Amino acid sequence: MNRRQFISSIGRGTIFTGLAALSGVLIYRKSKITEPCNFDFVCRDCRKLNSCKQPEAVIFKRNKNKKSA
């Protein structure tokens, strides 16, 4: 591997890591606007699940309680 390939691979890795981190932050950040939740696939990992009043969260909590009982 020569110097040019090394610098190119480091640059690509840095850009990829930055894009992945930014995507994660944008998806999982706390929303300051109270909009309806459209991430029904993350109810399981949601930090606000206990106080959430969205219909999807209520259904998820009901199903979770049925499974644990």
PDB file of N, CA and C in Angstrom:
ATOM      1  N   MET A   1       0.855  -1.173   0.000  1.00  0.00           N
ATOM      2  CA  MET A   1       0.000   0.000   0.000  1.00  0.00           C
ATOM      3  C   MET A   1       0.897   1.231   0.000  1.00  0.00           C
ATOM      4  N   ASN A   2       0.648   2.094  -0.922  1.00  0.00           N
ATOM      5  CA  ASN A   2       1.459   3.301  -0.964  1.00  0.00           C
ATOM      6  C   ASN A   2       0.756   4.432  -0.196  1.00  0.00           C
ATOM      7  N   ARG A   3       1.409   5.554  -0.126  1.00  0.00           N
ATOM      8  CA  ARG A   3       0.914   6.675   0.670  1.00  0.00           C
ATOM      9  C   ARG A   3      -0.430   7.190   0.161  1.00  0.00           C
ATOM     10  N   ARG A   4      -0.594   7.258  -1.142  1.00  0.00           N
ATOM     11  CA  ARG A   4      -1.841   7.769  -1.721  1.00  0.00           C
ATOM     12  C   ARG A   4      -3.028   6.871  -1.359  1.00  0.00           C
ATOM     13  N   GLN A   5      -2.854   5.574  -1.462  1.00  0.00           N
ATOM     14  CA  GLN A   5      -3.926   4.649  -1.104  1.00  0.00           C
ATOM     15  C   GLN A   5      -4.239   4.727   0.391  1.00  0.00           C
ATOM     16  N   PHE A   6      -3.211   4.865   1.206  1.00  0.00           N
ATOM     17  CA  PHE A   6      -3.399   4.956   2.650  1.00  0.00           C
ATOM     18  C   PHE A   6      -4.215   6.196   3.013  1.00  0.00           C
ATOM     19  N   ILE A   7      -3.842   7.339   2.489  1.00  0.00           N
ATOM     20  CA  ILE A   7      -4.557   8.583   2.786  1.00  0.00           C
ATOM     21  C   ILE A   7      -5.984   8.513   2.251  1.00  0.00           C
ATOM     22  N   SER A   8      -6.175   7.927   1.092  1.00  0.00           N
ATOM     23  CA  SER A   8      -7.506   7.782   0.519  1.00  0.00           C
ATOM     24  C   SER A   8      -8.386   6.888   1.393  1.00  0.00           C
ATOM     25  N   SER A   9      -7.847   5.779   1.861  1.00  0.00           N
ATOM     26  CA  SER A   9      -8.648   4.873   2.696  1.00  0.00           C
ATOM     27  C   SER A   9      -8.962   5.503   4.052  1.00  0.00           C
ATOM     28  N   ILE A  10      -8.038   6.274   4.617  1.00  0.00           N
ATOM     29  CA  ILE A  10      -8.296   6.978   5.872  1.00  0.00           C
ATOM     30  C   ILE A  10      -9.399   8.020   5.666  1.00  0.00           C
ATOM     31  N   GLY A  11      -9.347   8.744   4.576  1.00  0.00           N
ATOM     32  CA  GLY A  11     -10.372   9.745   4.269  1.00  0.00           C
ATOM     33  C   GLY A  11     -11.743   9.126   4.089  1.00  0.00           C
ATOM     34  N   ARG A  12     -11.811   8.041   3.353  1.00  0.00           N
ATOM     35  CA  ARG A  12     -13.090   7.355   3.159  1.00  0.00           C
ATOM     36  C   ARG A  12     -13.635   6.819   4.473  1.00  0.00           C
ATOM     37  N   GLY A  13     -12.776   6.264   5.289  1.00  0.00           N
ATOM     38  CA  GLY A  13     -13.209   5.752   6.591  1.00  0.00           C
ATOM     39  C   GLY A  13     -13.736   6.855   7.490  1.00  0.00           C
ATOM     40  N   THR A  14     -13.070   8.001   7.469  1.00  0.00           N
ATOM     41  CA  THR A  14     -13.509   9.140   8.272  1.00  0.00           C
ATOM     42  C   THR A  14     -14.862   9.648   7.805  1.00  0.00           C
ATOM     43  N   ILE A  15     -15.040   9.756   6.497  1.00  0.00           N
ATOM     44  CA  ILE A  15     -16.318  10.223   5.950  1.00  0.00           C
ATOM     45  C   ILE A  15     -17.433   9.231   6.285  1.00  0.00           C
ATOM     46  N   PHE A  16     -17.170   7.951   6.136  1.00  0.00           N
ATOM     47  CA  PHE A  16     -18.180   6.933   6.442  1.00  0.00           C
ATOM     48  C   PHE A  16     -18.562   6.969   7.923  1.00  0.00           C
ATOM     49  N   THR A  17     -17.578   7.082   8.794  1.00  0.00           N
ATOM     50  CA  THR A  17     -17.850   7.141  10.234  1.00  0.00           C
ATOM     51  C   THR A  17     -18.667   8.381  10.580  1.00  0.00           C
ATOM     52  N   GLY A  18     -18.336   9.503   9.985  1.00  0.00           N
ATOM     53  CA  GLY A  18     -19.078  10.732  10.232  1.00  0.00           C
ATOM     54  C   GLY A  18     -20.517  10.629   9.764  1.00  0.00           C
ATOM     55  N   LEU A  19     -20.737  10.063   8.585  1.00  0.00           N
ATOM     56  CA  LEU A  19     -22.097   9.898   8.076  1.00  0.00           C
ATOM     57  C   LEU A  19     -22.913   8.948   8.947  1.00  0.00           C
ATOM     58  N   ALA A  20     -22.285   7.869   9.390  1.00  0.00           N
ATOM     59  CA  ALA A  20     -22.995   6.917  10.247  1.00  0.00           C
ATOM     60  C   ALA A  20     -23.363   7.565  11.583  1.00  0.00           C
ATOM     61  N   ALA A  21     -22.449   8.306  12.180  1.00  0.00           N
ATOM     62  CA  ALA A  21     -22.724   8.974  13.450  1.00  0.00           C
ATOM     63  C   ALA A  21     -23.813  10.025  13.291  1.00  0.00           C
ATOM     64  N   LEU A  22     -23.750  10.805  12.240  1.00  0.00           N
ATOM     65  CA  LEU A  22     -24.752  11.839  12.002  1.00  0.00           C
ATOM     66  C   LEU A  22     -26.128  11.215  11.782  1.00  0.00           C
ATOM     67  N   SER A  23     -26.191  10.128  11.049  1.00  0.00           N
ATOM     68  CA  SER A  23     -27.468   9.449  10.830  1.00  0.00           C
ATOM     69  C   SER A  23     -28.047   8.951  12.146  1.00  0.00           C
ATOM     70  N   GLY A  24     -27.219   8.373  12.977  1.00  0.00           N
ATOM     71  CA  GLY A  24     -27.683   7.898  14.277  1.00  0.00           C
ATOM     72  C   GLY A  24     -28.200   9.018  15.156  1.00  0.00           C
ATOM     73  N   VAL A  25     -27.501  10.121  15.159  1.00  0.00           N
ATOM     74  CA  VAL A  25     -27.923  11.270  15.963  1.00  0.00           C
ATOM     75  C   VAL A  25     -29.257  11.806  15.465  1.00  0.00           C
ATOM     76  N   LEU A  26     -29.418  11.921  14.168  1.00  0.00           N
ATOM     77  CA  LEU A  26     -30.658  12.450  13.618  1.00  0.00           C
ATOM     78  C   LEU A  26     -31.850  11.534  13.882  1.00  0.00           C
ATOM     79  N   ILE A  27     -31.644  10.245  13.899  1.00  0.00           N
ATOM     80  CA  ILE A  27     -32.742   9.311  14.133  1.00  0.00           C
ATOM     81  C   ILE A  27     -33.124   9.256  15.606  1.00  0.00           C
ATOM     82  N   TYR A  28     -32.149   9.233  16.504  1.00  0.00           N
ATOM     83  CA  TYR A  28     -32.423   8.980  17.911  1.00  0.00           C
ATOM     84  C   TYR A  28     -32.385  10.212  18.806  1.00  0.00           C
ATOM     85  N   ARG A  29     -32.245  11.403  18.260  1.00  0.00           N
ATOM     86  CA  ARG A  29     -32.188  12.586  19.111  1.00  0.00           C
ATOM     87  C   ARG A  29     -33.551  12.879  19.715  1.00  0.00           C
ATOM     88  N   LYS A  30     -33.535  13.612  20.793  1.00  0.00           N
ATOM     89  CA  LYS A  30     -34.782  14.009  21.432  1.00  0.00           C
ATOM     90  C   LYS A  30     -35.424  15.087  20.584  1.00  0.00           C
ATOM     91  N   SER A  31     -36.671  14.899  20.284  1.00  0.00           N
ATOM     92  CA  SER A  31     -37.383  15.863  19.471  1.00  0.00           C
ATOM     93  C   SER A  31     -37.928  16.976  20.352  1.00  0.00           C
ATOM     94  N   LYS A  32     -37.670  18.215  19.988  1.00  0.00           N
ATOM     95  CA  LYS A  32     -38.174  19.351  20.734  1.00  0.00           C
ATOM     96  C   LYS A  32     -39.578  19.726  20.268  1.00  0.00           C
ATOM     97  N   ILE A  33     -39.973  19.224  19.132  1.00  0.00           N
ATOM     98  CA  ILE A  33     -41.308  19.475  18.599  1.00  0.00           C
ATOM     99  C   ILE A  33     -42.175  18.267  18.942  1.00  0.00           C
ATOM    100  N   THR A  34     -43.367  18.507  19.439  1.00  0.00           N
ATOM    101  CA  THR A  34     -44.240  17.396  19.811  1.00  0.00           C
ATOM    102  C   THR A  34     -45.057  16.969  18.599  1.00  0.00           C
ATOM    103  N   GLU A  35     -44.442  16.173  17.766  1.00  0.00           N
ATOM    104  CA  GLU A  35     -45.098  15.625  16.588  1.00  0.00           C
ATOM    105  C   GLU A  35     -45.428  14.172  16.856  1.00  0.00           C
ATOM    106  N   PRO A  36     -46.354  13.635  16.087  1.00  0.00           N
ATOM    107  CA  PRO A  36     -46.629  12.210  16.248  1.00  0.00           C
ATOM    108  C   PRO A  36     -45.392  11.379  15.920  1.00  0.00           C
ATOM    109  N   CYS A  37     -45.205  10.348  16.663  1.00  0.00           N
ATOM    110  CA  CYS A  37     -44.036   9.476  16.477  1.00  0.00           C
ATOM    111  C   CYS A  37     -44.232   8.642  15.217  1.00  0.00           C
ATOM    112  N   ASN A  38     -43.260   8.679  14.333  1.00  0.00           N
ATOM    113  CA  ASN A  38     -43.348   7.857  13.136  1.00  0.00           C
ATOM    114  C   ASN A  38     -42.271   6.780  13.111  1.00  0.00           C
ATOM    115  N   PHE A  39     -41.642   6.540  14.252  1.00  0.00           N
ATOM    116  CA  PHE A  39     -40.632   5.492  14.350  1.00  0.00           C
ATOM    117  C   PHE A  39     -41.193   4.325  15.148  1.00  0.00           C
ATOM    118  N   ASP A  40     -42.193   3.632  14.600  1.00  0.00           N
ATOM    119  CA  ASP A  40     -42.815   2.541  15.344  1.00  0.00           C
ATOM    120  C   ASP A  40     -41.878   1.353  15.536  1.00  0.00           C
ATOM    121  N   PHE A  41     -40.801   1.312  14.765  1.00  0.00           N
ATOM    122  CA  PHE A  41     -39.868   0.200  14.898  1.00  0.00           C
ATOM    123  C   PHE A  41     -38.931   0.377  16.077  1.00  0.00           C
ATOM    124  N   VAL A  42     -38.937   1.531  16.735  1.00  0.00           N
ATOM    125  CA  VAL A  42     -38.033   1.750  17.863  1.00  0.00           C
ATOM    126  C   VAL A  42     -38.765   1.851  19.190  1.00  0.00           C
ATOM    127  N   CYS A  43     -40.039   1.469  19.266  1.00  0.00           N
ATOM    128  CA  CYS A  43     -40.757   1.511  20.540  1.00  0.00           C
ATOM    129  C   CYS A  43     -40.016   0.692  21.598  1.00  0.00           C
ATOM    130  N   ARG A  44     -39.461  -0.406  21.202  1.00  0.00           N
ATOM    131  CA  ARG A  44     -38.756  -1.274  22.138  1.00  0.00           C
ATOM    132  C   ARG A  44     -37.585  -0.551  22.794  1.00  0.00           C
ATOM    133  N   ASP A  45     -36.898   0.321  22.063  1.00  0.00           N
ATOM    134  CA  ASP A  45     -35.722   1.009  22.580  1.00  0.00           C
ATOM    135  C   ASP A  45     -35.985   2.463  22.942  1.00  0.00           C
ATOM    136  N   CYS A  46     -37.238   2.887  22.950  1.00  0.00           N
ATOM    137  CA  CYS A  46     -37.550   4.296  23.174  1.00  0.00           C
ATOM    138  C   CYS A  46     -37.386   4.662  24.647  1.00  0.00           C
ATOM    139  N   ARG A  47     -36.778   5.828  24.882  1.00  0.00           N
ATOM    140  CA  ARG A  47     -36.580   6.303  26.250  1.00  0.00           C
ATOM    141  C   ARG A  47     -37.846   6.881  26.844  1.00  0.00           C
ATOM    142  N   LYS A  48     -38.804   7.244  26.013  1.00  0.00           N
ATOM    143  CA  LYS A  48     -40.039   7.877  26.479  1.00  0.00           C
ATOM    144  C   LYS A  48     -41.218   6.905  26.496  1.00  0.00           C
ATOM    145  N   LEU A  49     -40.980   5.616  26.428  1.00  0.00           N
ATOM    146  CA  LEU A  49     -42.056   4.642  26.294  1.00  0.00           C
ATOM    147  C   LEU A  49     -43.009   4.670  27.486  1.00  0.00           C
ATOM    148  N   ASN A  50     -42.509   4.841  28.695  1.00  0.00           N
ATOM    149  CA  ASN A  50     -43.374   4.812  29.871  1.00  0.00           C
ATOM    150  C   ASN A  50     -44.404   5.934  29.866  1.00  0.00           C
ATOM    151  N   SER A  51     -44.058   7.080  29.349  1.00  0.00           N
ATOM    152  CA  SER A  51     -44.974   8.216  29.358  1.00  0.00           C
ATOM    153  C   SER A  51     -45.606   8.488  27.995  1.00  0.00           C
ATOM    154  N   CYS A  52     -45.342   7.665  27.014  1.00  0.00           N
ATOM    155  CA  CYS A  52     -45.833   7.902  25.657  1.00  0.00           C
ATOM    156  C   CYS A  52     -47.319   7.567  25.549  1.00  0.00           C
ATOM    157  N   LYS A  53     -48.054   8.446  24.877  1.00  0.00           N
ATOM    158  CA  LYS A  53     -49.494   8.259  24.695  1.00  0.00           C
ATOM    159  C   LYS A  53     -49.855   7.917  23.254  1.00  0.00           C
ATOM    160  N   GLN A  54     -48.864   7.708  22.405  1.00  0.00           N
ATOM    161  CA  GLN A  54     -49.129   7.362  21.012  1.00  0.00           C
ATOM    162  C   GLN A  54     -49.804   5.991  20.943  1.00  0.00           C
ATOM    163  N   PRO A  55     -50.726   5.811  20.000  1.00  0.00           N
ATOM    164  CA  PRO A  55     -51.431   4.526  19.895  1.00  0.00           C
ATOM    165  C   PRO A  55     -50.487   3.342  19.692  1.00  0.00           C
ATOM    166  N   GLU A  56     -49.416   3.551  18.932  1.00  0.00           N
ATOM    167  CA  GLU A  56     -48.460   2.468  18.704  1.00  0.00           C
ATOM    168  C   GLU A  56     -47.780   2.060  20.006  1.00  0.00           C
ATOM    169  N   ALA A  57     -47.461   3.041  20.835  1.00  0.00           N
ATOM    170  CA  ALA A  57     -46.794   2.752  22.105  1.00  0.00           C
ATOM    171  C   ALA A  57     -47.747   2.047  23.058  1.00  0.00           C
ATOM    172  N   VAL A  58     -49.001   2.449  23.078  1.00  0.00           N
ATOM    173  CA  VAL A  58     -49.984   1.799  23.945  1.00  0.00           C
ATOM    174  C   VAL A  58     -50.143   0.337  23.541  1.00  0.00           C
ATOM    175  N   ILE A  59     -50.237   0.085  22.246  1.00  0.00           N
ATOM    176  CA  ILE A  59     -50.348  -1.292  21.749  1.00  0.00           C
ATOM    177  C   ILE A  59     -49.099  -2.076  22.103  1.00  0.00           C
ATOM    178  N   PHE A  60     -47.920  -1.462  21.913  1.00  0.00           N
ATOM    179  CA  PHE A  60     -46.664  -2.146  22.228  1.00  0.00           C
ATOM    180  C   PHE A  60     -46.597  -2.491  23.710  1.00  0.00           C
ATOM    181  N   LYS A  61     -46.969  -1.544  24.582  1.00  0.00           N
ATOM    182  CA  LYS A  61     -46.936  -1.798  26.031  1.00  0.00           C
ATOM    183  C   LYS A  61     -47.936  -2.882  26.419  1.00  0.00           C
ATOM    184  N   ARG A  62     -49.112  -2.873  25.803  1.00  0.00           N
ATOM    185  CA  ARG A  62     -50.116  -3.909  26.096  1.00  0.00           C
ATOM    186  C   ARG A  62     -49.590  -5.287  25.694  1.00  0.00           C
ATOM    187  N   ASN A  63     -49.002  -5.391  24.506  1.00  0.00           N
ATOM    188  CA  ASN A  63     -48.454  -6.674  24.049  1.00  0.00           C
ATOM    189  C   ASN A  63     -47.283  -7.109  24.901  1.00  0.00           C
ATOM    190  N   LYS A  64     -46.473  -6.160  25.348  1.00  0.00           N
ATOM    191  CA  LYS A  64     -45.326  -6.474  26.204  1.00  0.00           C
ATOM    192  C   LYS A  64     -45.801  -7.011  27.546  1.00  0.00           C
ATOM    193  N   ASN A  65     -46.875  -6.424  28.106  1.00  0.00           N
ATOM    194  CA  ASN A  65     -47.408  -6.898  29.378  1.00  0.00           C
ATOM    195  C   ASN A  65     -48.036  -8.269  29.247  1.00  0.00           C
ATOM    196  N   LYS A  66     -48.675  -8.541  28.116  1.00  0.00           N
ATOM    197  CA  LYS A  66     -49.276  -9.874  27.895  1.00  0.00           C
ATOM    198  C   LYS A  66     -48.195 -10.947  27.841  1.00  0.00           C
ATOM    199  N   LYS A  67     -47.079 -10.628  27.182  1.00  0.00           N
ATOM    200  CA  LYS A  67     -45.994 -11.599  27.052  1.00  0.00           C
ATOM    201  C   LYS A  67     -45.324 -11.878  28.383  1.00  0.00           C
ATOM    202  N   SER A  68     -45.187 -10.839  29.215  1.00  0.00           N
ATOM    203  CA  SER A  68     -44.490 -11.023  30.492  1.00  0.00           C
ATOM    204  C   SER A  68     -45.388 -11.656  31.545  1.00  0.00           C
ATOM    205  N   ALA A  69     -46.710 -11.598  31.349  1.00  0.00           N
ATOM    206  CA  ALA A  69     -47.631 -12.163  32.348  1.00  0.00           C
ATOM    207  C   ALA A  69     -47.828 -13.641  32.175  1.00  0.00           C
TER     208      ALA A  69
END
